[in-house]
Amino acid sequence: RENYGILRGVDTEIPAILFRDMRLFLENPKFRAIALEEPRKYFFRHFF
């Protein structure tokens, strides 16, 4: 909930967050589209 950097702010909830992310990825097409598209924007080429 405060993960402002790549590792900064990673908290003890990460197992629960990953579990919810996985459920949403499998069951919610809108979230799946976000999860597939957005993380690429960490890389400058995709952001640009």
ModelCIF file with pLDDT and N, C-alpha, C, O atoms, coordinates in Angstrom:
data_MODEL
#
_entry.id   MODEL 
#
_entity.id                         1 
_entity.type                       polymer 
_entity.pdbx_number_of_molecules   1 
#
_entity_poly.entity_id                      1 
_entity_poly.type                           'polypeptide(L)' 
_entity_poly.nstd_linkage                   no 
_entity_poly.nstd_monomer                   no 
_entity_poly.pdbx_seq_one_letter_code       RENYGILRGVDTEIPAILFRDMRLFLENPKFRAIALEEPRKYFFRHFF 
_entity_poly.pdbx_seq_one_letter_code_can   RENYGILRGVDTEIPAILFRDMRLFLENPKFRAIALEEPRKYFFRHFF 
_entity_poly.pdbx_strand_id                 A 
#
loop_
_entity_poly_seq.entity_id 
_entity_poly_seq.num 
_entity_poly_seq.mon_id 
_entity_poly_seq.hetero 
1 1  ARG n 
1 2  GLU n 
1 3  ASN n 
1 4  TYR n 
1 5  GLY n 
1 6  ILE n 
1 7  LEU n 
1 8  ARG n 
1 9  GLY n 
1 10 VAL n 
1 11 ASP n 
1 12 THR n 
1 13 GLU n 
1 14 ILE n 
1 15 PRO n 
1 16 ALA n 
1 17 ILE n 
1 18 LEU n 
1 19 PHE n 
1 20 ARG n 
1 21 ASP n 
1 22 MET n 
1 23 ARG n 
1 24 LEU n 
1 25 PHE n 
1 26 LEU n 
1 27 GLU n 
1 28 ASN n 
1 29 PRO n 
1 30 LYS n 
1 31 PHE n 
1 32 ARG n 
1 33 ALA n 
1 34 ILE n 
1 35 ALA n 
1 36 LEU n 
1 37 GLU n 
1 38 GLU n 
1 39 PRO n 
1 40 ARG n 
1 41 LYS n 
1 42 TYR n 
1 43 PHE n 
1 44 PHE n 
1 45 ARG n 
1 46 HIS n 
1 47 PHE n 
1 48 PHE n 
#
_struct_asym.id          A 
_struct_asym.entity_id   1 
#
loop_
_ma_qa_metric.id 
_ma_qa_metric.mode 
_ma_qa_metric.name 
_ma_qa_metric.software_group_id 
_ma_qa_metric.type 
1 global pLDDT . pLDDT 
2 local  pLDDT . pLDDT 
#
_ma_qa_metric_global.metric_id      1 
_ma_qa_metric_global.metric_value   80.90 
_ma_qa_metric_global.model_id       1 
_ma_qa_metric_global.ordinal_id     1 
#
loop_
_ma_qa_metric_local.label_asym_id 
_ma_qa_metric_local.label_comp_id 
_ma_qa_metric_local.label_seq_id 
_ma_qa_metric_local.metric_id 
_ma_qa_metric_local.metric_value 
_ma_qa_metric_local.model_id 
_ma_qa_metric_local.ordinal_id 
A ARG 1  2 91.00 1 1  
A GLU 2  2 92.00 1 2  
A ASN 3  2 91.00 1 3  
A TYR 4  2 92.00 1 4  
A GLY 5  2 83.00 1 5  
A ILE 6  2 74.00 1 6  
A LEU 7  2 66.00 1 7  
A ARG 8  2 74.00 1 8  
A GLY 9  2 69.00 1 9  
A VAL 10 2 75.00 1 10 
A ASP 11 2 71.00 1 11 
A THR 12 2 70.00 1 12 
A GLU 13 2 72.00 1 13 
A ILE 14 2 75.00 1 14 
A PRO 15 2 76.00 1 15 
A ALA 16 2 73.00 1 16 
A ILE 17 2 75.00 1 17 
A LEU 18 2 75.00 1 18 
A PHE 19 2 70.00 1 19 
A ARG 20 2 71.00 1 20 
A ASP 21 2 74.00 1 21 
A MET 22 2 79.00 1 22 
A ARG 23 2 76.00 1 23 
A LEU 24 2 81.00 1 24 
A PHE 25 2 79.00 1 25 
A LEU 26 2 75.00 1 26 
A GLU 27 2 81.00 1 27 
A ASN 28 2 81.00 1 28 
A PRO 29 2 81.00 1 29 
A LYS 30 2 75.00 1 30 
A PHE 31 2 82.00 1 31 
A ARG 32 2 84.00 1 32 
A ALA 33 2 80.00 1 33 
A ILE 34 2 83.00 1 34 
A ALA 35 2 78.00 1 35 
A LEU 36 2 78.00 1 36 
A GLU 37 2 82.00 1 37 
A GLU 38 2 85.00 1 38 
A PRO 39 2 85.00 1 39 
A ARG 40 2 88.00 1 40 
A LYS 41 2 88.00 1 41 
A TYR 42 2 87.00 1 42 
A PHE 43 2 91.00 1 43 
A PHE 44 2 94.00 1 44 
A ARG 45 2 95.00 1 45 
A HIS 46 2 94.00 1 46 
A PHE 47 2 95.00 1 47 
A PHE 48 2 97.00 1 48 
#
loop_
_atom_site.group_PDB 
_atom_site.id 
_atom_site.type_symbol 
_atom_site.label_atom_id 
_atom_site.label_alt_id 
_atom_site.label_comp_id 
_atom_site.label_asym_id 
_atom_site.label_entity_id 
_atom_site.label_seq_id 
_atom_site.pdbx_PDB_ins_code 
_atom_site.Cartn_x 
_atom_site.Cartn_y 
_atom_site.Cartn_z 
_atom_site.occupancy 
_atom_site.B_iso_or_equiv 
_atom_site.pdbx_formal_charge 
_atom_site.auth_seq_id 
_atom_site.auth_comp_id 
_atom_site.auth_asym_id 
_atom_site.auth_atom_id 
_atom_site.pdbx_PDB_model_num 
ATOM 1   N N  . ARG A 1 1  ? 0.812   -1.212  0.000   1.00 91.00 ? 1  ARG A N  1 
ATOM 2   C CA . ARG A 1 1  ? 0.000   0.000   0.000   1.00 91.00 ? 1  ARG A CA 1 
ATOM 3   C C  . ARG A 1 1  ? 0.847   1.263   0.000   1.00 91.00 ? 1  ARG A C  1 
ATOM 4   O O  . ARG A 1 1  ? 0.334   2.368   -0.179  1.00 91.00 ? 1  ARG A O  1 
ATOM 5   N N  . GLU A 1 2  ? 2.161   1.089   0.204   1.00 92.00 ? 2  GLU A N  1 
ATOM 6   C CA . GLU A 1 2  ? 3.083   2.215   0.119   1.00 92.00 ? 2  GLU A CA 1 
ATOM 7   C C  . GLU A 1 2  ? 4.307   1.831   -0.720  1.00 92.00 ? 2  GLU A C  1 
ATOM 8   O O  . GLU A 1 2  ? 5.420   2.278   -0.445  1.00 92.00 ? 2  GLU A O  1 
ATOM 9   N N  . ASN A 1 3  ? 4.093   1.013   -1.726  1.00 91.00 ? 3  ASN A N  1 
ATOM 10  C CA . ASN A 1 3  ? 5.163   0.487   -2.570  1.00 91.00 ? 3  ASN A CA 1 
ATOM 11  C C  . ASN A 1 3  ? 5.513   1.492   -3.673  1.00 91.00 ? 3  ASN A C  1 
ATOM 12  O O  . ASN A 1 3  ? 5.256   1.252   -4.853  1.00 91.00 ? 3  ASN A O  1 
ATOM 13  N N  . TYR A 1 4  ? 6.105   2.623   -3.264  1.00 92.00 ? 4  TYR A N  1 
ATOM 14  C CA . TYR A 1 4  ? 6.384   3.693   -4.208  1.00 92.00 ? 4  TYR A CA 1 
ATOM 15  C C  . TYR A 1 4  ? 7.606   3.408   -5.089  1.00 92.00 ? 4  TYR A C  1 
ATOM 16  O O  . TYR A 1 4  ? 7.664   3.871   -6.228  1.00 92.00 ? 4  TYR A O  1 
ATOM 17  N N  . GLY A 1 5  ? 8.577   2.657   -4.576  1.00 83.00 ? 5  GLY A N  1 
ATOM 18  C CA . GLY A 1 5  ? 9.734   2.290   -5.372  1.00 83.00 ? 5  GLY A CA 1 
ATOM 19  C C  . GLY A 1 5  ? 9.573   0.878   -5.907  1.00 83.00 ? 5  GLY A C  1 
ATOM 20  O O  . GLY A 1 5  ? 8.497   0.289   -5.796  1.00 83.00 ? 5  GLY A O  1 
ATOM 21  N N  . ILE A 1 6  ? 10.633  0.331   -6.487  1.00 74.00 ? 6  ILE A N  1 
ATOM 22  C CA . ILE A 1 6  ? 10.564  -1.050  -6.975  1.00 74.00 ? 6  ILE A CA 1 
ATOM 23  C C  . ILE A 1 6  ? 10.446  -1.999  -5.791  1.00 74.00 ? 6  ILE A C  1 
ATOM 24  O O  . ILE A 1 6  ? 9.590   -2.884  -5.783  1.00 74.00 ? 6  ILE A O  1 
ATOM 25  N N  . LEU A 1 7  ? 11.314  -1.814  -4.780  1.00 66.00 ? 7  LEU A N  1 
ATOM 26  C CA . LEU A 1 7  ? 11.255  -2.640  -3.575  1.00 66.00 ? 7  LEU A CA 1 
ATOM 27  C C  . LEU A 1 7  ? 10.763  -1.853  -2.366  1.00 66.00 ? 7  LEU A C  1 
ATOM 28  O O  . LEU A 1 7  ? 10.201  -2.433  -1.436  1.00 66.00 ? 7  LEU A O  1 
ATOM 29  N N  . ARG A 1 8  ? 10.968  -0.534  -2.369  1.00 74.00 ? 8  ARG A N  1 
ATOM 30  C CA . ARG A 1 8  ? 10.559  0.288   -1.223  1.00 74.00 ? 8  ARG A CA 1 
ATOM 31  C C  . ARG A 1 8  ? 9.052   0.212   -1.018  1.00 74.00 ? 8  ARG A C  1 
ATOM 32  O O  . ARG A 1 8  ? 8.275   0.445   -1.944  1.00 74.00 ? 8  ARG A O  1 
ATOM 33  N N  . GLY A 1 9  ? 8.653   -0.115  0.198   1.00 69.00 ? 9  GLY A N  1 
ATOM 34  C CA . GLY A 1 9  ? 7.232   -0.177  0.507   1.00 69.00 ? 9  GLY A CA 1 
ATOM 35  C C  . GLY A 1 9  ? 6.597   -1.527  0.288   1.00 69.00 ? 9  GLY A C  1 
ATOM 36  O O  . GLY A 1 9  ? 5.390   -1.680  0.471   1.00 69.00 ? 9  GLY A O  1 
ATOM 37  N N  . VAL A 1 10 ? 7.399   -2.528  -0.108  1.00 75.00 ? 10 VAL A N  1 
ATOM 38  C CA . VAL A 1 10 ? 6.861   -3.890  -0.168  1.00 75.00 ? 10 VAL A CA 1 
ATOM 39  C C  . VAL A 1 10 ? 6.574   -4.322  1.264   1.00 75.00 ? 10 VAL A C  1 
ATOM 40  O O  . VAL A 1 10 ? 7.469   -4.279  2.108   1.00 75.00 ? 10 VAL A O  1 
ATOM 41  N N  . ASP A 1 11 ? 5.342   -4.738  1.554   1.00 71.00 ? 11 ASP A N  1 
ATOM 42  C CA . ASP A 1 11 ? 4.992   -4.987  2.951   1.00 71.00 ? 11 ASP A CA 1 
ATOM 43  C C  . ASP A 1 11 ? 4.630   -6.445  3.216   1.00 71.00 ? 11 ASP A C  1 
ATOM 44  O O  . ASP A 1 11 ? 4.678   -7.292  2.324   1.00 71.00 ? 11 ASP A O  1 
ATOM 45  N N  . THR A 1 12 ? 4.276   -6.704  4.441   1.00 70.00 ? 12 THR A N  1 
ATOM 46  C CA . THR A 1 12 ? 4.003   -8.081  4.861   1.00 70.00 ? 12 THR A CA 1 
ATOM 47  C C  . THR A 1 12 ? 2.731   -8.648  4.245   1.00 70.00 ? 12 THR A C  1 
ATOM 48  O O  . THR A 1 12 ? 2.474   -9.848  4.340   1.00 70.00 ? 12 THR A O  1 
ATOM 49  N N  . GLU A 1 13 ? 1.947   -7.801  3.623   1.00 72.00 ? 13 GLU A N  1 
ATOM 50  C CA . GLU A 1 13 ? 0.722   -8.268  2.966   1.00 72.00 ? 13 GLU A CA 1 
ATOM 51  C C  . GLU A 1 13 ? 0.984   -8.889  1.603   1.00 72.00 ? 13 GLU A C  1 
ATOM 52  O O  . GLU A 1 13 ? 0.047   -9.348  0.951   1.00 72.00 ? 13 GLU A O  1 
ATOM 53  N N  . ILE A 1 14 ? 2.229   -8.914  1.161   1.00 75.00 ? 14 ILE A N  1 
ATOM 54  C CA . ILE A 1 14 ? 2.487   -9.327  -0.216  1.00 75.00 ? 14 ILE A CA 1 
ATOM 55  C C  . ILE A 1 14 ? 1.899   -10.703 -0.563  1.00 75.00 ? 14 ILE A C  1 
ATOM 56  O O  . ILE A 1 14 ? 1.406   -10.860 -1.680  1.00 75.00 ? 14 ILE A O  1 
ATOM 57  N N  . PRO A 1 15 ? 1.921   -11.714 0.330   1.00 76.00 ? 15 PRO A N  1 
ATOM 58  C CA . PRO A 1 15 ? 1.274   -12.984 -0.055  1.00 76.00 ? 15 PRO A CA 1 
ATOM 59  C C  . PRO A 1 15 ? -0.217  -12.819 -0.354  1.00 76.00 ? 15 PRO A C  1 
ATOM 60  O O  . PRO A 1 15 ? -0.721  -13.378 -1.328  1.00 76.00 ? 15 PRO A O  1 
ATOM 61  N N  . ALA A 1 16 ? -0.926  -12.047 0.488   1.00 73.00 ? 16 ALA A N  1 
ATOM 62  C CA . ALA A 1 16 ? -2.363  -11.824 0.265   1.00 73.00 ? 16 ALA A CA 1 
ATOM 63  C C  . ALA A 1 16 ? -2.590  -11.017 -1.006  1.00 73.00 ? 16 ALA A C  1 
ATOM 64  O O  . ALA A 1 16 ? -3.527  -11.291 -1.757  1.00 73.00 ? 16 ALA A O  1 
ATOM 65  N N  . ILE A 1 17 ? -1.731  -10.014 -1.254  1.00 75.00 ? 17 ILE A N  1 
ATOM 66  C CA . ILE A 1 17 ? -1.872  -9.210  -2.467  1.00 75.00 ? 17 ILE A CA 1 
ATOM 67  C C  . ILE A 1 17 ? -1.652  -10.073 -3.700  1.00 75.00 ? 17 ILE A C  1 
ATOM 68  O O  . ILE A 1 17 ? -2.417  -9.986  -4.660  1.00 75.00 ? 17 ILE A O  1 
ATOM 69  N N  . LEU A 1 18 ? -0.619  -10.902 -3.684  1.00 75.00 ? 18 LEU A N  1 
ATOM 70  C CA . LEU A 1 18 ? -0.342  -11.770 -4.830  1.00 75.00 ? 18 LEU A CA 1 
ATOM 71  C C  . LEU A 1 18 ? -1.472  -12.771 -5.050  1.00 75.00 ? 18 LEU A C  1 
ATOM 72  O O  . LEU A 1 18 ? -1.828  -13.074 -6.189  1.00 75.00 ? 18 LEU A O  1 
ATOM 73  N N  . PHE A 1 19 ? -2.037  -13.283 -3.951  1.00 70.00 ? 19 PHE A N  1 
ATOM 74  C CA . PHE A 1 19 ? -3.152  -14.225 -4.072  1.00 70.00 ? 19 PHE A CA 1 
ATOM 75  C C  . PHE A 1 19 ? -4.355  -13.542 -4.724  1.00 70.00 ? 19 PHE A C  1 
ATOM 76  O O  . PHE A 1 19 ? -4.988  -14.110 -5.614  1.00 70.00 ? 19 PHE A O  1 
ATOM 77  N N  . ARG A 1 20 ? -4.674  -12.303 -4.271  1.00 71.00 ? 20 ARG A N  1 
ATOM 78  C CA . ARG A 1 20 ? -5.807  -11.587 -4.860  1.00 71.00 ? 20 ARG A CA 1 
ATOM 79  C C  . ARG A 1 20 ? -5.515  -11.226 -6.312  1.00 71.00 ? 20 ARG A C  1 
ATOM 80  O O  . ARG A 1 20 ? -6.395  -11.313 -7.168  1.00 71.00 ? 20 ARG A O  1 
ATOM 81  N N  . ASP A 1 21 ? -4.273  -10.820 -6.588  1.00 74.00 ? 21 ASP A N  1 
ATOM 82  C CA . ASP A 1 21 ? -3.903  -10.526 -7.974  1.00 74.00 ? 21 ASP A CA 1 
ATOM 83  C C  . ASP A 1 21 ? -4.104  -11.741 -8.869  1.00 74.00 ? 21 ASP A C  1 
ATOM 84  O O  . ASP A 1 21 ? -4.628  -11.621 -9.977  1.00 74.00 ? 21 ASP A O  1 
ATOM 85  N N  . MET A 1 22 ? -3.692  -12.908 -8.393  1.00 79.00 ? 22 MET A N  1 
ATOM 86  C CA . MET A 1 22 ? -3.814  -14.113 -9.209  1.00 79.00 ? 22 MET A CA 1 
ATOM 87  C C  . MET A 1 22 ? -5.277  -14.476 -9.443  1.00 79.00 ? 22 MET A C  1 
ATOM 88  O O  . MET A 1 22 ? -5.658  -14.853 -10.552 1.00 79.00 ? 22 MET A O  1 
ATOM 89  N N  . ARG A 1 23 ? -6.101  -14.360 -8.390  1.00 76.00 ? 23 ARG A N  1 
ATOM 90  C CA . ARG A 1 23 ? -7.529  -14.658 -8.566  1.00 76.00 ? 23 ARG A CA 1 
ATOM 91  C C  . ARG A 1 23 ? -8.162  -13.698 -9.569  1.00 76.00 ? 23 ARG A C  1 
ATOM 92  O O  . ARG A 1 23 ? -8.926  -14.103 -10.445 1.00 76.00 ? 23 ARG A O  1 
ATOM 93  N N  . LEU A 1 24 ? -7.826  -12.419 -9.422  1.00 81.00 ? 24 LEU A N  1 
ATOM 94  C CA . LEU A 1 24 ? -8.374  -11.442 -10.359 1.00 81.00 ? 24 LEU A CA 1 
ATOM 95  C C  . LEU A 1 24 ? -7.871  -11.699 -11.772 1.00 81.00 ? 24 LEU A C  1 
ATOM 96  O O  . LEU A 1 24 ? -8.630  -11.578 -12.734 1.00 81.00 ? 24 LEU A O  1 
ATOM 97  N N  . PHE A 1 25 ? -6.600  -12.053 -11.902 1.00 79.00 ? 25 PHE A N  1 
ATOM 98  C CA . PHE A 1 25 ? -6.023  -12.332 -13.217 1.00 79.00 ? 25 PHE A CA 1 
ATOM 99  C C  . PHE A 1 25 ? -6.777  -13.469 -13.903 1.00 79.00 ? 25 PHE A C  1 
ATOM 100 O O  . PHE A 1 25 ? -7.053  -13.408 -15.101 1.00 79.00 ? 25 PHE A O  1 
ATOM 101 N N  . LEU A 1 26 ? -7.107  -14.507 -13.133 1.00 75.00 ? 26 LEU A N  1 
ATOM 102 C CA . LEU A 1 26 ? -7.778  -15.672 -13.703 1.00 75.00 ? 26 LEU A CA 1 
ATOM 103 C C  . LEU A 1 26 ? -9.258  -15.427 -13.964 1.00 75.00 ? 26 LEU A C  1 
ATOM 104 O O  . LEU A 1 26 ? -9.821  -15.970 -14.915 1.00 75.00 ? 26 LEU A O  1 
ATOM 105 N N  . GLU A 1 27 ? -9.896  -14.602 -13.118 1.00 81.00 ? 27 GLU A N  1 
ATOM 106 C CA . GLU A 1 27 ? -11.359 -14.504 -13.167 1.00 81.00 ? 27 GLU A CA 1 
ATOM 107 C C  . GLU A 1 27 ? -11.893 -13.191 -13.717 1.00 81.00 ? 27 GLU A C  1 
ATOM 108 O O  . GLU A 1 27 ? -13.075 -13.105 -14.052 1.00 81.00 ? 27 GLU A O  1 
ATOM 109 N N  . ASN A 1 28 ? -11.053 -12.165 -13.819 1.00 81.00 ? 28 ASN A N  1 
ATOM 110 C CA . ASN A 1 28 ? -11.530 -10.849 -14.227 1.00 81.00 ? 28 ASN A CA 1 
ATOM 111 C C  . ASN A 1 28 ? -10.772 -10.379 -15.466 1.00 81.00 ? 28 ASN A C  1 
ATOM 112 O O  . ASN A 1 28 ? -9.606  -10.001 -15.358 1.00 81.00 ? 28 ASN A O  1 
ATOM 113 N N  . PRO A 1 29 ? -11.409 -10.393 -16.650 1.00 81.00 ? 29 PRO A N  1 
ATOM 114 C CA . PRO A 1 29 ? -10.706 -9.999  -17.877 1.00 81.00 ? 29 PRO A CA 1 
ATOM 115 C C  . PRO A 1 29 ? -10.184 -8.568  -17.843 1.00 81.00 ? 29 PRO A C  1 
ATOM 116 O O  . PRO A 1 29 ? -9.135  -8.285  -18.421 1.00 81.00 ? 29 PRO A O  1 
ATOM 117 N N  . LYS A 1 30 ? -10.903 -7.648  -17.169 1.00 75.00 ? 30 LYS A N  1 
ATOM 118 C CA . LYS A 1 30 ? -10.442 -6.253  -17.108 1.00 75.00 ? 30 LYS A CA 1 
ATOM 119 C C  . LYS A 1 30 ? -9.133  -6.161  -16.340 1.00 75.00 ? 30 LYS A C  1 
ATOM 120 O O  . LYS A 1 30 ? -8.198  -5.482  -16.766 1.00 75.00 ? 30 LYS A O  1 
ATOM 121 N N  . PHE A 1 31 ? -9.073  -6.851  -15.201 1.00 82.00 ? 31 PHE A N  1 
ATOM 122 C CA . PHE A 1 31 ? -7.827  -6.829  -14.431 1.00 82.00 ? 31 PHE A CA 1 
ATOM 123 C C  . PHE A 1 31 ? -6.716  -7.532  -15.203 1.00 82.00 ? 31 PHE A C  1 
ATOM 124 O O  . PHE A 1 31 ? -5.569  -7.088  -15.184 1.00 82.00 ? 31 PHE A O  1 
ATOM 125 N N  . ARG A 1 32 ? -7.052  -8.627  -15.881 1.00 84.00 ? 32 ARG A N  1 
ATOM 126 C CA . ARG A 1 32 ? -6.033  -9.365  -16.636 1.00 84.00 ? 32 ARG A CA 1 
ATOM 127 C C  . ARG A 1 32 ? -5.402  -8.469  -17.694 1.00 84.00 ? 32 ARG A C  1 
ATOM 128 O O  . ARG A 1 32 ? -4.189  -8.512  -17.898 1.00 84.00 ? 32 ARG A O  1 
ATOM 129 N N  . ALA A 1 33 ? -6.214  -7.658  -18.367 1.00 80.00 ? 33 ALA A N  1 
ATOM 130 C CA . ALA A 1 33 ? -5.674  -6.745  -19.378 1.00 80.00 ? 33 ALA A CA 1 
ATOM 131 C C  . ALA A 1 33 ? -4.720  -5.733  -18.750 1.00 80.00 ? 33 ALA A C  1 
ATOM 132 O O  . ALA A 1 33 ? -3.668  -5.435  -19.316 1.00 80.00 ? 33 ALA A O  1 
ATOM 133 N N  . ILE A 1 34 ? -5.087  -5.201  -17.575 1.00 83.00 ? 34 ILE A N  1 
ATOM 134 C CA . ILE A 1 34 ? -4.223  -4.250  -16.870 1.00 83.00 ? 34 ILE A CA 1 
ATOM 135 C C  . ILE A 1 34 ? -2.918  -4.922  -16.453 1.00 83.00 ? 34 ILE A C  1 
ATOM 136 O O  . ILE A 1 34 ? -1.835  -4.362  -16.625 1.00 83.00 ? 34 ILE A O  1 
ATOM 137 N N  . ALA A 1 35 ? -3.038  -6.140  -15.898 1.00 78.00 ? 35 ALA A N  1 
ATOM 138 C CA . ALA A 1 35 ? -1.859  -6.847  -15.391 1.00 78.00 ? 35 ALA A CA 1 
ATOM 139 C C  . ALA A 1 35 ? -0.891  -7.223  -16.503 1.00 78.00 ? 35 ALA A C  1 
ATOM 140 O O  . ALA A 1 35 ? 0.315   -7.308  -16.271 1.00 78.00 ? 35 ALA A O  1 
ATOM 141 N N  . LEU A 1 36 ? -1.400  -7.446  -17.698 1.00 78.00 ? 36 LEU A N  1 
ATOM 142 C CA . LEU A 1 36 ? -0.526  -7.794  -18.820 1.00 78.00 ? 36 LEU A CA 1 
ATOM 143 C C  . LEU A 1 36 ? 0.099   -6.564  -19.465 1.00 78.00 ? 36 LEU A C  1 
ATOM 144 O O  . LEU A 1 36 ? 1.226   -6.627  -19.956 1.00 78.00 ? 36 LEU A O  1 
ATOM 145 N N  . GLU A 1 37 ? -0.621  -5.448  -19.468 1.00 82.00 ? 37 GLU A N  1 
ATOM 146 C CA . GLU A 1 37 ? -0.164  -4.257  -20.173 1.00 82.00 ? 37 GLU A CA 1 
ATOM 147 C C  . GLU A 1 37 ? 0.674   -3.320  -19.307 1.00 82.00 ? 37 GLU A C  1 
ATOM 148 O O  . GLU A 1 37 ? 1.740   -2.873  -19.732 1.00 82.00 ? 37 GLU A O  1 
ATOM 149 N N  . GLU A 1 38 ? 0.204   -3.020  -18.099 1.00 85.00 ? 38 GLU A N  1 
ATOM 150 C CA . GLU A 1 38 ? 0.805   -1.940  -17.320 1.00 85.00 ? 38 GLU A CA 1 
ATOM 151 C C  . GLU A 1 38 ? 2.234   -2.210  -16.832 1.00 85.00 ? 38 GLU A C  1 
ATOM 152 O O  . GLU A 1 38 ? 3.065   -1.307  -16.925 1.00 85.00 ? 38 GLU A O  1 
ATOM 153 N N  . PRO A 1 39 ? 2.566   -3.408  -16.313 1.00 85.00 ? 39 PRO A N  1 
ATOM 154 C CA . PRO A 1 39 ? 3.936   -3.595  -15.797 1.00 85.00 ? 39 PRO A CA 1 
ATOM 155 C C  . PRO A 1 39 ? 5.028   -3.341  -16.820 1.00 85.00 ? 39 PRO A C  1 
ATOM 156 O O  . PRO A 1 39 ? 6.156   -3.020  -16.446 1.00 85.00 ? 39 PRO A O  1 
ATOM 157 N N  . ARG A 1 40 ? 4.715   -3.479  -18.114 1.00 88.00 ? 40 ARG A N  1 
ATOM 158 C CA . ARG A 1 40 ? 5.718   -3.212  -19.147 1.00 88.00 ? 40 ARG A CA 1 
ATOM 159 C C  . ARG A 1 40 ? 6.183   -1.752  -19.109 1.00 88.00 ? 40 ARG A C  1 
ATOM 160 O O  . ARG A 1 40 ? 7.275   -1.430  -19.577 1.00 88.00 ? 40 ARG A O  1 
ATOM 161 N N  . LYS A 1 41 ? 5.349   -0.880  -18.552 1.00 88.00 ? 41 LYS A N  1 
ATOM 162 C CA . LYS A 1 41 ? 5.677   0.545   -18.542 1.00 88.00 ? 41 LYS A CA 1 
ATOM 163 C C  . LYS A 1 41 ? 6.744   0.900   -17.518 1.00 88.00 ? 41 LYS A C  1 
ATOM 164 O O  . LYS A 1 41 ? 7.183   2.048   -17.453 1.00 88.00 ? 41 LYS A O  1 
ATOM 165 N N  . TYR A 1 42 ? 7.168   -0.081  -16.713 1.00 87.00 ? 42 TYR A N  1 
ATOM 166 C CA . TYR A 1 42 ? 8.389   0.113   -15.926 1.00 87.00 ? 42 TYR A CA 1 
ATOM 167 C C  . TYR A 1 42 ? 9.578   0.354   -16.853 1.00 87.00 ? 42 TYR A C  1 
ATOM 168 O O  . TYR A 1 42 ? 10.540  1.034   -16.495 1.00 87.00 ? 42 TYR A O  1 
ATOM 169 N N  . PHE A 1 43 ? 9.488   -0.217  -18.050 1.00 91.00 ? 43 PHE A N  1 
ATOM 170 C CA . PHE A 1 43 ? 10.569  -0.100  -19.020 1.00 91.00 ? 43 PHE A CA 1 
ATOM 171 C C  . PHE A 1 43 ? 10.324  1.128   -19.896 1.00 91.00 ? 43 PHE A C  1 
ATOM 172 O O  . PHE A 1 43 ? 9.227   1.329   -20.417 1.00 91.00 ? 43 PHE A O  1 
ATOM 173 N N  . PHE A 1 44 ? 11.356  1.932   -20.045 1.00 94.00 ? 44 PHE A N  1 
ATOM 174 C CA . PHE A 1 44 ? 11.226  3.214   -20.721 1.00 94.00 ? 44 PHE A CA 1 
ATOM 175 C C  . PHE A 1 44 ? 10.622  3.068   -22.117 1.00 94.00 ? 44 PHE A C  1 
ATOM 176 O O  . PHE A 1 44 ? 9.780   3.874   -22.514 1.00 94.00 ? 44 PHE A O  1 
ATOM 177 N N  . ARG A 1 45 ? 11.043  2.057   -22.857 1.00 95.00 ? 45 ARG A N  1 
ATOM 178 C CA . ARG A 1 45 ? 10.590  1.912   -24.244 1.00 95.00 ? 45 ARG A CA 1 
ATOM 179 C C  . ARG A 1 45 ? 9.067   1.842   -24.334 1.00 95.00 ? 45 ARG A C  1 
ATOM 180 O O  . ARG A 1 45 ? 8.462   2.468   -25.205 1.00 95.00 ? 45 ARG A O  1 
ATOM 181 N N  . HIS A 1 46 ? 8.458   1.085   -23.439 1.00 94.00 ? 46 HIS A N  1 
ATOM 182 C CA . HIS A 1 46 ? 7.003   0.924   -23.479 1.00 94.00 ? 46 HIS A CA 1 
ATOM 183 C C  . HIS A 1 46 ? 6.300   2.182   -22.961 1.00 94.00 ? 46 HIS A C  1 
ATOM 184 O O  . HIS A 1 46 ? 5.275   2.588   -23.508 1.00 94.00 ? 46 HIS A O  1 
ATOM 185 N N  . PHE A 1 47 ? 6.845   2.796   -21.912 1.00 95.00 ? 47 PHE A N  1 
ATOM 186 C CA . PHE A 1 47 ? 6.276   4.036   -21.379 1.00 95.00 ? 47 PHE A CA 1 
ATOM 187 C C  . PHE A 1 47 ? 6.297   5.116   -22.458 1.00 95.00 ? 47 PHE A C  1 
ATOM 188 O O  . PHE A 1 47 ? 5.300   5.800   -22.689 1.00 95.00 ? 47 PHE A O  1 
ATOM 189 N N  . PHE A 1 48 ? 7.440   5.255   -23.110 1.00 97.00 ? 48 PHE A N  1 
ATOM 190 C CA . PHE A 1 48 ? 7.592   6.277   -24.151 1.00 97.00 ? 48 PHE A CA 1 
ATOM 191 C C  . PHE A 1 48 ? 6.625   6.019   -25.301 1.00 97.00 ? 48 PHE A C  1 
ATOM 192 O O  . PHE A 1 48 ? 6.605   6.774   -26.273 1.00 97.00 ? 48 PHE A O  1 
#
